[in-house]
């Protein structure tokens, strides 16, 4: 078990990847892209961005067509306007004909009067058709604006979703950054030796007594953590005995039983496993004197600092 600097780097890189993907996705999906709609010179035409992101004419809106001037006009209204102009000209001609002094016979007068009435009817019909065409154009424009509003609302909703996704990615990245900043202890080996600040190892000889030794001898190698690392542990020696703090004196005890009071609830404090403190469930710290003698102390004194968890060779988890 060791705190690998590579783990912190991996966490930070993972955080960066999440941030870049989340933020990049938001920027990419909200920026202008080929095929997006845009606003051109003709209000009655559809425009989109081409591959160079230039706003380009696509077609007239439904119901509209290009006239001789190259503008998009409402076809029905354009036809009705033309018909009204023709009807007005025809009426003028019929009025002049009816007033002509050359018409003398009753038959000619009756015919001119009938043609005048027909011309007047034609003009009225053309005027009504034009009004109807204008109403139809206004309805088409209203429908088009409603469709635009729907698209805009959908775009706003999508942008909000993307912004929320980007914010969630940033939140996760912040959590990972916080995790990396805390230098979380990471399990990298199953069994290990426990070394004090004065270079003595904890030693379990299997007779119920806890000893210390500066040598790498039997009983020093093969310690294990059982439980939830790093805050709710049992610390087990290579011969099956557990560290125990009874919280009644300074003595550090050893016990073969795993469920008795004082065996559980140990925790490991620190940022690196070559510099930790070992705390019992009672808030007391495992300490070592210069001669290797062990005792429990309620404070973070120097003797309780700088414990090292040294991985056993050949037992690294890959």
C-alpha atoms as a PDB file:
ATOM      1  CA  UNK A   1       0.000   0.000   0.000  1.00  0.00           C
ATOM      2  CA  UNK A   2       1.433   3.402  -0.941  1.00  0.00           C
ATOM      3  CA  UNK A   3       0.359   6.805  -2.009  1.00  0.00           C
ATOM      4  CA  UNK A   4       1.447   6.922  -5.642  1.00  0.00           C
ATOM      5  CA  UNK A   5       2.197  10.307  -7.120  1.00  0.00           C
ATOM      6  CA  UNK A   6       1.006   8.752 -10.380  1.00  0.00           C
ATOM      7  CA  UNK A   7      -2.466   8.369  -8.862  1.00  0.00           C
ATOM      8  CA  UNK A   8      -2.706  12.102  -8.212  1.00  0.00           C
ATOM      9  CA  UNK A   9      -1.558  12.792 -11.757  1.00  0.00           C
ATOM     10  CA  UNK A  10      -4.155  10.375 -13.144  1.00  0.00           C
ATOM     11  CA  UNK A  11      -6.903  12.039 -11.079  1.00  0.00           C
ATOM     12  CA  UNK A  12      -5.863  15.487 -12.290  1.00  0.00           C
ATOM     13  CA  UNK A  13      -5.659  14.318 -15.903  1.00  0.00           C
ATOM     14  CA  UNK A  14      -9.083  12.695 -15.584  1.00  0.00           C
ATOM     15  CA  UNK A  15     -10.424  15.947 -14.157  1.00  0.00           C
ATOM     16  CA  UNK A  16      -8.965  17.862 -17.097  1.00  0.00           C
ATOM     17  CA  UNK A  17     -10.492  15.422 -19.581  1.00  0.00           C
ATOM     18  CA  UNK A  18     -13.949  15.808 -18.019  1.00  0.00           C
ATOM     19  CA  UNK A  19     -13.637  19.592 -18.013  1.00  0.00           C
ATOM     20  CA  UNK A  20     -12.415  19.745 -21.611  1.00  0.00           C
ATOM     21  CA  UNK A  21     -15.049  17.319 -22.882  1.00  0.00           C
ATOM     22  CA  UNK A  22     -17.900  19.001 -21.008  1.00  0.00           C
ATOM     23  CA  UNK A  23     -16.871  22.571 -21.800  1.00  0.00           C
ATOM     24  CA  UNK A  24     -15.744  21.710 -25.329  1.00  0.00           C
ATOM     25  CA  UNK A  25     -19.001  19.936 -26.093  1.00  0.00           C
ATOM     26  CA  UNK A  26     -20.959  22.944 -24.896  1.00  0.00           C
ATOM     27  CA  UNK A  27     -18.879  25.381 -26.968  1.00  0.00           C
ATOM     28  CA  UNK A  28     -18.904  23.135 -30.044  1.00  0.00           C
ATOM     29  CA  UNK A  29     -22.643  22.524 -30.015  1.00  0.00           C
ATOM     30  CA  UNK A  30     -23.534  26.181 -29.394  1.00  0.00           C
ATOM     31  CA  UNK A  31     -21.199  27.857 -31.887  1.00  0.00           C
ATOM     32  CA  UNK A  32     -22.200  28.662 -35.490  1.00  0.00           C
ATOM     33  CA  UNK A  33     -21.974  25.640 -37.766  1.00  0.00           C
ATOM     34  CA  UNK A  34     -22.579  24.873 -41.437  1.00  0.00           C
ATOM     35  CA  UNK A  35     -26.312  24.428 -42.034  1.00  0.00           C
ATOM     36  CA  UNK A  36     -27.424  26.729 -39.201  1.00  0.00           C
ATOM     37  CA  UNK A  37     -30.153  29.183 -40.153  1.00  0.00           C
ATOM     38  CA  UNK A  38     -29.241  32.863 -40.472  1.00  0.00           C
ATOM     39  CA  UNK A  39     -30.857  36.161 -41.511  1.00  0.00           C
ATOM     40  CA  UNK A  40     -30.296  37.429 -45.050  1.00  0.00           C
ATOM     41  CA  UNK A  41     -31.382  40.482 -47.070  1.00  0.00           C
ATOM     42  CA  UNK A  42     -34.807  39.158 -48.107  1.00  0.00           C
ATOM     43  CA  UNK A  43     -37.233  38.786 -45.158  1.00  0.00           C
ATOM     44  CA  UNK A  44     -39.297  36.273 -47.155  1.00  0.00           C
ATOM     45  CA  UNK A  45     -36.434  33.882 -47.861  1.00  0.00           C
ATOM     46  CA  UNK A  46     -34.619  31.137 -45.999  1.00  0.00           C
ATOM     47  CA  UNK A  47     -30.859  31.466 -45.490  1.00  0.00           C
ATOM     48  CA  UNK A  48     -28.279  29.083 -44.000  1.00  0.00           C
ATOM     49  CA  UNK A  49     -24.549  29.187 -43.284  1.00  0.00           C
ATOM     50  CA  UNK A  50     -22.390  27.543 -45.940  1.00  0.00           C
ATOM     51  CA  UNK A  51     -19.108  25.707 -45.301  1.00  0.00           C
ATOM     52  CA  UNK A  52     -17.326  29.066 -45.019  1.00  0.00           C
ATOM     53  CA  UNK A  53     -20.015  30.252 -42.549  1.00  0.00           C
ATOM     54  CA  UNK A  54     -21.333  32.807 -45.055  1.00  0.00           C
ATOM     55  CA  UNK A  55     -25.075  33.488 -44.913  1.00  0.00           C
ATOM     56  CA  UNK A  56     -26.405  32.068 -48.198  1.00  0.00           C
ATOM     57  CA  UNK A  57     -29.842  32.160 -49.873  1.00  0.00           C
ATOM     58  CA  UNK A  58     -31.546  28.752 -49.958  1.00  0.00           C
ATOM     59  CA  UNK A  59     -35.124  29.314 -51.126  1.00  0.00           C
ATOM     60  CA  UNK A  60     -38.200  31.478 -50.731  1.00  0.00           C
ATOM     61  CA  UNK A  61     -40.517  30.582 -47.875  1.00  0.00           C
ATOM     62  CA  UNK A  62     -43.518  28.338 -48.724  1.00  0.00           C
ATOM     63  CA  UNK A  63     -46.133  30.310 -50.692  1.00  0.00           C
ATOM     64  CA  UNK A  64     -43.523  32.785 -51.936  1.00  0.00           C
ATOM     65  CA  UNK A  65     -41.765  32.890 -55.290  1.00  0.00           C
ATOM     66  CA  UNK A  66     -39.085  34.986 -56.977  1.00  0.00           C
ATOM     67  CA  UNK A  67     -40.416  37.868 -59.101  1.00  0.00           C
ATOM     68  CA  UNK A  68     -38.719  39.593 -62.027  1.00  0.00           C
ATOM     69  CA  UNK A  69     -36.764  41.806 -59.601  1.00  0.00           C
ATOM     70  CA  UNK A  70     -35.283  38.756 -57.853  1.00  0.00           C
ATOM     71  CA  UNK A  71     -37.246  39.284 -54.647  1.00  0.00           C
ATOM     72  CA  UNK A  72     -39.362  36.687 -52.861  1.00  0.00           C
ATOM     73  CA  UNK A  73     -43.031  37.725 -53.038  1.00  0.00           C
ATOM     74  CA  UNK A  74     -46.244  36.042 -52.000  1.00  0.00           C
ATOM     75  CA  UNK A  75     -47.428  34.466 -55.261  1.00  0.00           C
ATOM     76  CA  UNK A  76     -51.163  34.825 -54.687  1.00  0.00           C
ATOM     77  CA  UNK A  77     -50.771  38.477 -53.695  1.00  0.00           C
ATOM     78  CA  UNK A  78     -48.533  39.209 -56.665  1.00  0.00           C
ATOM     79  CA  UNK A  79     -51.084  37.705 -59.067  1.00  0.00           C
ATOM     80  CA  UNK A  80     -53.945  39.553 -57.371  1.00  0.00           C
ATOM     81  CA  UNK A  81     -52.044  42.854 -57.579  1.00  0.00           C
ATOM     82  CA  UNK A  82     -51.386  42.330 -61.279  1.00  0.00           C
ATOM     83  CA  UNK A  83     -55.031  41.440 -61.887  1.00  0.00           C
ATOM     84  CA  UNK A  84     -56.209  44.549 -60.026  1.00  0.00           C
ATOM     85  CA  UNK A  85     -53.947  46.772 -62.088  1.00  0.00           C
ATOM     86  CA  UNK A  86     -55.288  45.214 -65.301  1.00  0.00           C
ATOM     87  CA  UNK A  87     -58.866  45.574 -64.071  1.00  0.00           C
ATOM     88  CA  UNK A  88     -58.333  49.254 -63.317  1.00  0.00           C
ATOM     89  CA  UNK A  89     -56.890  49.892 -66.758  1.00  0.00           C
ATOM     90  CA  UNK A  90     -59.745  47.980 -68.348  1.00  0.00           C
ATOM     91  CA  UNK A  91     -62.287  50.017 -66.341  1.00  0.00           C
ATOM     92  CA  UNK A  92     -60.734  53.271 -67.507  1.00  0.00           C
ATOM     93  CA  UNK A  93     -60.981  52.113 -71.087  1.00  0.00           C
ATOM     94  CA  UNK A  94     -64.595  51.052 -70.651  1.00  0.00           C
ATOM     95  CA  UNK A  95     -65.459  54.383 -69.025  1.00  0.00           C
ATOM     96  CA  UNK A  96     -63.930  56.287 -71.941  1.00  0.00           C
ATOM     97  CA  UNK A  97     -65.761  54.058 -74.405  1.00  0.00           C
ATOM     98  CA  UNK A  98     -69.096  54.626 -72.661  1.00  0.00           C
ATOM     99  CA  UNK A  99     -68.551  58.379 -72.805  1.00  0.00           C
ATOM    100  CA  UNK A 100     -67.455  58.416 -76.425  1.00  0.00           C
ATOM    101  CA  UNK A 101     -69.436  60.706 -78.751  1.00  0.00           C
ATOM    102  CA  UNK A 102     -69.010  58.149 -81.489  1.00  0.00           C
ATOM    103  CA  UNK A 103     -71.542  55.874 -79.835  1.00  0.00           C
ATOM    104  CA  UNK A 104     -74.903  56.981 -81.137  1.00  0.00           C
ATOM    105  CA  UNK A 105     -77.164  53.968 -81.465  1.00  0.00           C
ATOM    106  CA  UNK A 106     -79.018  52.511 -78.557  1.00  0.00           C
ATOM    107  CA  UNK A 107     -77.464  49.110 -79.200  1.00  0.00           C
ATOM    108  CA  UNK A 108     -73.928  50.488 -78.978  1.00  0.00           C
ATOM    109  CA  UNK A 109     -74.812  52.423 -75.806  1.00  0.00           C
ATOM    110  CA  UNK A 110     -76.296  49.321 -74.170  1.00  0.00           C
ATOM    111  CA  UNK A 111     -73.229  47.279 -75.074  1.00  0.00           C
ATOM    112  CA  UNK A 112     -70.831  49.946 -73.710  1.00  0.00           C
ATOM    113  CA  UNK A 113     -72.864  50.167 -70.501  1.00  0.00           C
ATOM    114  CA  UNK A 114     -72.770  46.386 -70.045  1.00  0.00           C
ATOM    115  CA  UNK A 115     -69.012  46.301 -70.642  1.00  0.00           C
ATOM    116  CA  UNK A 116     -68.570  49.111 -68.119  1.00  0.00           C
ATOM    117  CA  UNK A 117     -70.542  47.198 -65.501  1.00  0.00           C
ATOM    118  CA  UNK A 118     -68.439  44.086 -66.203  1.00  0.00           C
ATOM    119  CA  UNK A 119     -65.235  46.117 -65.840  1.00  0.00           C
ATOM    120  CA  UNK A 120     -66.441  47.525 -62.537  1.00  0.00           C
ATOM    121  CA  UNK A 121     -67.290  44.021 -61.313  1.00  0.00           C
ATOM    122  CA  UNK A 122     -63.875  42.817 -62.413  1.00  0.00           C
ATOM    123  CA  UNK A 123     -62.162  45.590 -60.469  1.00  0.00           C
ATOM    124  CA  UNK A 124     -64.190  44.868 -57.336  1.00  0.00           C
ATOM    125  CA  UNK A 125     -63.434  41.155 -57.629  1.00  0.00           C
ATOM    126  CA  UNK A 126     -59.736  41.883 -58.144  1.00  0.00           C
ATOM    127  CA  UNK A 127     -59.689  44.200 -55.110  1.00  0.00           C
ATOM    128  CA  UNK A 128     -61.382  41.522 -52.976  1.00  0.00           C
ATOM    129  CA  UNK A 129     -58.941  38.897 -54.255  1.00  0.00           C
ATOM    130  CA  UNK A 130     -56.034  41.161 -53.360  1.00  0.00           C
ATOM    131  CA  UNK A 131     -57.349  41.658 -49.809  1.00  0.00           C
ATOM    132  CA  UNK A 132     -57.806  37.913 -49.457  1.00  0.00           C
ATOM    133  CA  UNK A 133     -54.255  37.334 -50.732  1.00  0.00           C
ATOM    134  CA  UNK A 134     -52.905  39.882 -48.240  1.00  0.00           C
ATOM    135  CA  UNK A 135     -54.744  38.114 -45.414  1.00  0.00           C
ATOM    136  CA  UNK A 136     -53.347  34.797 -46.630  1.00  0.00           C
ATOM    137  CA  UNK A 137     -49.830  36.270 -46.688  1.00  0.00           C
ATOM    138  CA  UNK A 138     -50.235  37.641 -43.160  1.00  0.00           C
ATOM    139  CA  UNK A 139     -51.444  34.243 -41.960  1.00  0.00           C
ATOM    140  CA  UNK A 140     -48.422  32.590 -43.603  1.00  0.00           C
ATOM    141  CA  UNK A 141     -46.099  35.110 -41.953  1.00  0.00           C
ATOM    142  CA  UNK A 142     -47.718  34.542 -38.558  1.00  0.00           C
ATOM    143  CA  UNK A 143     -47.364  30.793 -38.993  1.00  0.00           C
ATOM    144  CA  UNK A 144     -43.750  31.226 -40.039  1.00  0.00           C
ATOM    145  CA  UNK A 145     -43.003  33.434 -37.033  1.00  0.00           C
ATOM    146  CA  UNK A 146     -44.661  30.892 -34.746  1.00  0.00           C
ATOM    147  CA  UNK A 147     -42.445  28.175 -36.231  1.00  0.00           C
ATOM    148  CA  UNK A 148     -39.411  30.420 -35.683  1.00  0.00           C
ATOM    149  CA  UNK A 149     -40.431  30.969 -32.072  1.00  0.00           C
ATOM    150  CA  UNK A 150     -40.749  27.196 -31.598  1.00  0.00           C
ATOM    151  CA  UNK A 151     -37.308  26.620 -33.076  1.00  0.00           C
ATOM    152  CA  UNK A 152     -35.861  29.389 -30.933  1.00  0.00           C
ATOM    153  CA  UNK A 153     -37.476  27.953 -27.810  1.00  0.00           C
ATOM    154  CA  UNK A 154     -36.075  24.519 -28.700  1.00  0.00           C
ATOM    155  CA  UNK A 155     -32.612  26.053 -29.225  1.00  0.00           C
ATOM    156  CA  UNK A 156     -32.803  27.864 -25.882  1.00  0.00           C
ATOM    157  CA  UNK A 157     -33.904  24.673 -24.151  1.00  0.00           C
ATOM    158  CA  UNK A 158     -31.087  22.718 -25.788  1.00  0.00           C
ATOM    159  CA  UNK A 159     -28.552  25.391 -24.843  1.00  0.00           C
ATOM    160  CA  UNK A 160     -29.813  25.228 -21.254  1.00  0.00           C
ATOM    161  CA  UNK A 161     -29.406  21.436 -21.290  1.00  0.00           C
ATOM    162  CA  UNK A 162     -25.884  21.740 -22.681  1.00  0.00           C
ATOM    163  CA  UNK A 163     -25.035  24.413 -20.127  1.00  0.00           C
ATOM    164  CA  UNK A 164     -26.348  22.140 -17.372  1.00  0.00           C
ATOM    165  CA  UNK A 165     -24.286  19.226 -18.737  1.00  0.00           C
ATOM    166  CA  UNK A 166     -21.200  21.450 -18.890  1.00  0.00           C
ATOM    167  CA  UNK A 167     -21.859  22.654 -15.332  1.00  0.00           C
ATOM    168  CA  UNK A 168     -22.222  19.044 -14.167  1.00  0.00           C
ATOM    169  CA  UNK A 169     -18.926  18.161 -15.874  1.00  0.00           C
ATOM    170  CA  UNK A 170     -17.267  21.101 -14.163  1.00  0.00           C
ATOM    171  CA  UNK A 171     -18.765  20.045 -10.825  1.00  0.00           C
ATOM    172  CA  UNK A 172     -17.400  16.525 -11.249  1.00  0.00           C
ATOM    173  CA  UNK A 173     -14.037  17.942 -12.297  1.00  0.00           C
ATOM    174  CA  UNK A 174     -14.036  20.115  -9.169  1.00  0.00           C
ATOM    175  CA  UNK A 175     -14.806  17.083  -7.023  1.00  0.00           C
ATOM    176  CA  UNK A 176     -11.947  15.173  -8.636  1.00  0.00           C
ATOM    177  CA  UNK A 177      -9.671  18.186  -8.181  1.00  0.00           C
ATOM    178  CA  UNK A 178     -10.627  18.331  -4.520  1.00  0.00           C
ATOM    179  CA  UNK A 179      -9.997  14.605  -4.226  1.00  0.00           C
ATOM    180  CA  UNK A 180      -6.588  14.958  -5.853  1.00  0.00           C
ATOM    181  CA  UNK A 181      -5.776  17.990  -3.674  1.00  0.00           C
ATOM    182  CA  UNK A 182      -6.454  15.961  -0.549  1.00  0.00           C
ATOM    183  CA  UNK A 183      -3.824  13.424  -1.613  1.00  0.00           C
ATOM    184  CA  UNK A 184      -6.085  10.446  -0.946  1.00  0.00           C
ATOM    185  CA  UNK A 185      -4.322   7.336   0.315  1.00  0.00           C
ATOM    186  CA  UNK A 186      -4.530   4.551  -2.249  1.00  0.00           C
ATOM    187  CA  UNK A 187      -4.140   0.822  -1.626  1.00  0.00           C
ATOM    188  CA  UNK A 188      -1.421  -0.605  -3.859  1.00  0.00           C
ATOM    189  CA  UNK A 189      -0.345  -3.700  -1.940  1.00  0.00           C
ATOM    190  CA  UNK A 190      -2.036  -6.382   0.115  1.00  0.00           C
ATOM    191  CA  UNK A 191       0.594  -6.966   2.778  1.00  0.00           C
ATOM    192  CA  UNK A 192       3.284  -4.755   4.207  1.00  0.00           C
ATOM    193  CA  UNK A 193       5.627  -3.894   7.058  1.00  0.00           C
ATOM    194  CA  UNK A 194       4.869  -1.077   9.520  1.00  0.00           C
ATOM    195  CA  UNK A 195       7.914   1.062  10.317  1.00  0.00           C
ATOM    196  CA  UNK A 196       8.165   3.731  13.033  1.00  0.00           C
ATOM    197  CA  UNK A 197       9.974   7.046  12.856  1.00  0.00           C
ATOM    198  CA  UNK A 198      12.991   5.521  14.666  1.00  0.00           C
ATOM    199  CA  UNK A 199      13.385   2.737  12.065  1.00  0.00           C
ATOM    200  CA  UNK A 200      11.886  -0.054  14.114  1.00  0.00           C
ATOM    201  CA  UNK A 201       9.332  -2.403  12.499  1.00  0.00           C
ATOM    202  CA  UNK A 202       6.303  -3.777  14.317  1.00  0.00           C
ATOM    203  CA  UNK A 203       6.819  -7.499  14.906  1.00  0.00           C
ATOM    204  CA  UNK A 204       4.225 -10.221  15.521  1.00  0.00           C
ATOM    205  CA  UNK A 205       5.906 -13.407  16.739  1.00  0.00           C
ATOM    206  CA  UNK A 206       2.616 -15.248  17.213  1.00  0.00           C
ATOM    207  CA  UNK A 207       2.908 -15.503  21.023  1.00  0.00           C
ATOM    208  CA  UNK A 208       0.572 -12.601  21.809  1.00  0.00           C
ATOM    209  CA  UNK A 209       3.324 -10.041  22.490  1.00  0.00           C
ATOM    210  CA  UNK A 210       3.882  -7.068  20.200  1.00  0.00           C
ATOM    211  CA  UNK A 211       7.568  -6.377  19.620  1.00  0.00           C
ATOM    212  CA  UNK A 212       9.668  -4.091  17.444  1.00  0.00           C
ATOM    213  CA  UNK A 213      12.804  -4.851  15.468  1.00  0.00           C
ATOM    214  CA  UNK A 214      15.068  -2.914  13.118  1.00  0.00           C
ATOM    215  CA  UNK A 215      15.759  -6.047  11.094  1.00  0.00           C
ATOM    216  CA  UNK A 216      13.650  -7.502   8.303  1.00  0.00           C
ATOM    217  CA  UNK A 217      12.989 -10.695  10.201  1.00  0.00           C
ATOM    218  CA  UNK A 218      10.009 -13.075  10.441  1.00  0.00           C
ATOM    219  CA  UNK A 219       7.056 -11.410  12.086  1.00  0.00           C
ATOM    220  CA  UNK A 220       7.738  -7.970  10.572  1.00  0.00           C
ATOM    221  CA  UNK A 221       6.467  -8.736   7.072  1.00  0.00           C
ATOM    222  CA  UNK A 222       2.845  -9.583   6.226  1.00  0.00           C
ATOM    223  CA  UNK A 223       0.762  -7.014   8.114  1.00  0.00           C
ATOM    224  CA  UNK A 224      -2.720  -6.375   6.717  1.00  0.00           C
ATOM    225  CA  UNK A 225      -5.610  -3.939   6.951  1.00  0.00           C
ATOM    226  CA  UNK A 226      -9.082  -5.381   7.367  1.00  0.00           C
ATOM    227  CA  UNK A 227     -12.238  -3.297   7.007  1.00  0.00           C
ATOM    228  CA  UNK A 228     -12.917   0.028   5.313  1.00  0.00           C
ATOM    229  CA  UNK A 229      -9.693   1.836   4.460  1.00  0.00           C
ATOM    230  CA  UNK A 230      -8.570   4.298   5.723  1.00  0.00           C
ATOM    231  CA  UNK A 231     -11.043   5.166   8.489  1.00  0.00           C
ATOM    232  CA  UNK A 232     -12.484   1.966   9.999  1.00  0.00           C
ATOM    233  CA  UNK A 233      -9.845  -0.726  10.176  1.00  0.00           C
ATOM    234  CA  UNK A 234      -8.477  -3.671  12.038  1.00  0.00           C
ATOM    235  CA  UNK A 235      -4.686  -3.908  11.863  1.00  0.00           C
ATOM    236  CA  UNK A 236      -3.671  -7.556  11.659  1.00  0.00           C
ATOM    237  CA  UNK A 237      -0.184  -8.933  12.202  1.00  0.00           C
ATOM    238  CA  UNK A 238       1.377 -11.660  10.052  1.00  0.00           C
ATOM    239  CA  UNK A 239       0.676 -14.279  12.755  1.00  0.00           C
ATOM    240  CA  UNK A 240      -3.000 -13.347  13.058  1.00  0.00           C
ATOM    241  CA  UNK A 241      -2.920 -11.041  16.085  1.00  0.00           C
ATOM    242  CA  UNK A 242      -4.642  -7.627  16.022  1.00  0.00           C
ATOM    243  CA  UNK A 243      -3.524  -4.274  17.434  1.00  0.00           C
ATOM    244  CA  UNK A 244      -5.749  -3.300  20.360  1.00  0.00           C
ATOM    245  CA  UNK A 245      -6.174  -0.077  22.330  1.00  0.00           C
ATOM    246  CA  UNK A 246      -8.209  -0.476  25.534  1.00  0.00           C
ATOM    247  CA  UNK A 247      -8.067   3.268  26.335  1.00  0.00           C
ATOM    248  CA  UNK A 248      -7.224   2.601  29.976  1.00  0.00           C
ATOM    249  CA  UNK A 249      -3.458   3.209  29.953  1.00  0.00           C
ATOM    250  CA  UNK A 250      -0.574   3.792  27.526  1.00  0.00           C
ATOM    251  CA  UNK A 251      -0.069   0.114  26.761  1.00  0.00           C
ATOM    252  CA  UNK A 252      -0.448  -1.166  23.190  1.00  0.00           C
ATOM    253  CA  UNK A 253      -2.074  -4.588  23.298  1.00  0.00           C
ATOM    254  CA  UNK A 254      -2.296  -7.554  20.957  1.00  0.00           C
ATOM    255  CA  UNK A 255      -5.287  -9.870  20.635  1.00  0.00           C
ATOM    256  CA  UNK A 256      -6.087 -12.944  18.531  1.00  0.00           C
ATOM    257  CA  UNK A 257      -9.791 -12.057  18.519  1.00  0.00           C
ATOM    258  CA  UNK A 258     -11.080  -9.670  15.855  1.00  0.00           C
ATOM    259  CA  UNK A 259     -14.354  -8.627  17.502  1.00  0.00           C
ATOM    260  CA  UNK A 260     -13.334  -7.575  20.976  1.00  0.00           C
ATOM    261  CA  UNK A 261     -13.373  -3.885  22.032  1.00  0.00           C
ATOM    262  CA  UNK A 262     -10.332  -1.906  20.996  1.00  0.00           C
ATOM    263  CA  UNK A 263      -9.490  -4.010  17.937  1.00  0.00           C
ATOM    264  CA  UNK A 264     -11.670  -2.239  15.373  1.00  0.00           C
ATOM    265  CA  UNK A 265     -11.993   1.404  14.405  1.00  0.00           C
ATOM    266  CA  UNK A 266      -8.339   2.171  13.661  1.00  0.00           C
ATOM    267  CA  UNK A 267      -7.650   4.825  11.023  1.00  0.00           C
ATOM    268  CA  UNK A 268      -4.687   5.993   8.985  1.00  0.00           C
ATOM    269  CA  UNK A 269      -4.081   9.741   8.803  1.00  0.00           C
ATOM    270  CA  UNK A 270      -1.796  11.492   6.344  1.00  0.00           C
ATOM    271  CA  UNK A 271      -1.218  12.248   2.710  1.00  0.00           C
ATOM    272  CA  UNK A 272       1.489   9.713   1.928  1.00  0.00           C
ATOM    273  CA  UNK A 273       1.912   6.232   3.289  1.00  0.00           C
ATOM    274  CA  UNK A 274       5.545   6.909   4.113  1.00  0.00           C
ATOM    275  CA  UNK A 275       4.415   9.596   6.558  1.00  0.00           C
ATOM    276  CA  UNK A 276       1.224   8.691   8.420  1.00  0.00           C
ATOM    277  CA  UNK A 277      -0.262   8.550  11.892  1.00  0.00           C
ATOM    278  CA  UNK A 278      -2.048   5.441  13.213  1.00  0.00           C
ATOM    279  CA  UNK A 279      -5.089   6.367  15.345  1.00  0.00           C
ATOM    280  CA  UNK A 280      -7.305   4.088  17.418  1.00  0.00           C
ATOM    281  CA  UNK A 281     -11.072   4.343  17.690  1.00  0.00           C
ATOM    282  CA  UNK A 282     -10.578   6.300  20.917  1.00  0.00           C
ATOM    283  CA  UNK A 283      -8.667   9.088  19.186  1.00  0.00           C
ATOM    284  CA  UNK A 284      -5.321   7.990  20.579  1.00  0.00           C
ATOM    285  CA  UNK A 285      -2.206   7.605  18.432  1.00  0.00           C
ATOM    286  CA  UNK A 286       0.271   4.751  18.210  1.00  0.00           C
ATOM    287  CA  UNK A 287       3.650   6.178  19.253  1.00  0.00           C
ATOM    288  CA  UNK A 288       7.219   4.857  19.356  1.00  0.00           C
ATOM    289  CA  UNK A 289      10.109   5.876  21.569  1.00  0.00           C
ATOM    290  CA  UNK A 290      13.701   6.088  20.340  1.00  0.00           C
ATOM    291  CA  UNK A 291      14.404   2.620  21.716  1.00  0.00           C
ATOM    292  CA  UNK A 292      11.463   1.105  19.799  1.00  0.00           C
ATOM    293  CA  UNK A 293       9.121   0.908  22.805  1.00  0.00           C
ATOM    294  CA  UNK A 294       5.453   1.349  21.857  1.00  0.00           C
ATOM    295  CA  UNK A 295       2.766   3.328  23.667  1.00  0.00           C
ATOM    296  CA  UNK A 296      -0.547   5.118  23.034  1.00  0.00           C
ATOM    297  CA  UNK A 297      -0.828   8.907  23.250  1.00  0.00           C
ATOM    298  CA  UNK A 298      -3.818  11.229  22.865  1.00  0.00           C
ATOM    299  CA  UNK A 299      -1.905  13.917  20.919  1.00  0.00           C
ATOM    300  CA  UNK A 300      -0.066  14.180  17.597  1.00  0.00           C
ATOM    301  CA  UNK A 301       3.322  14.242  19.256  1.00  0.00           C
ATOM    302  CA  UNK A 302       6.534  13.620  17.271  1.00  0.00           C
ATOM    303  CA  UNK A 303       6.675   9.997  18.455  1.00  0.00           C
ATOM    304  CA  UNK A 304       3.246   9.432  16.839  1.00  0.00           C
ATOM    305  CA  UNK A 305       4.267  10.853  13.471  1.00  0.00           C
ATOM    306  CA  UNK A 306       6.192   9.549  10.467  1.00  0.00           C
ATOM    307  CA  UNK A 307       4.969   5.948  10.483  1.00  0.00           C
ATOM    308  CA  UNK A 308       5.644   4.208   7.181  1.00  0.00           C
ATOM    309  CA  UNK A 309       3.632   1.502   5.408  1.00  0.00           C
ATOM    310  CA  UNK A 310       6.251  -0.461   3.450  1.00  0.00           C
ATOM    311  CA  UNK A 311       4.904  -2.790   0.785  1.00  0.00           C
ATOM    312  CA  UNK A 312       6.072  -6.381   0.908  1.00  0.00           C
ATOM    313  CA  UNK A 313       8.165  -7.312  -2.097  1.00  0.00           C
ATOM    314  CA  UNK A 314       6.400  -9.537  -4.604  1.00  0.00           C
ATOM    315  CA  UNK A 315       2.973  -8.619  -3.268  1.00  0.00           C
ATOM    316  CA  UNK A 316       2.236  -5.520  -5.319  1.00  0.00           C
ATOM    317  CA  UNK A 317      -1.266  -5.367  -6.787  1.00  0.00           C
ATOM    318  CA  UNK A 318      -1.064  -4.779 -10.534  1.00  0.00           C
END
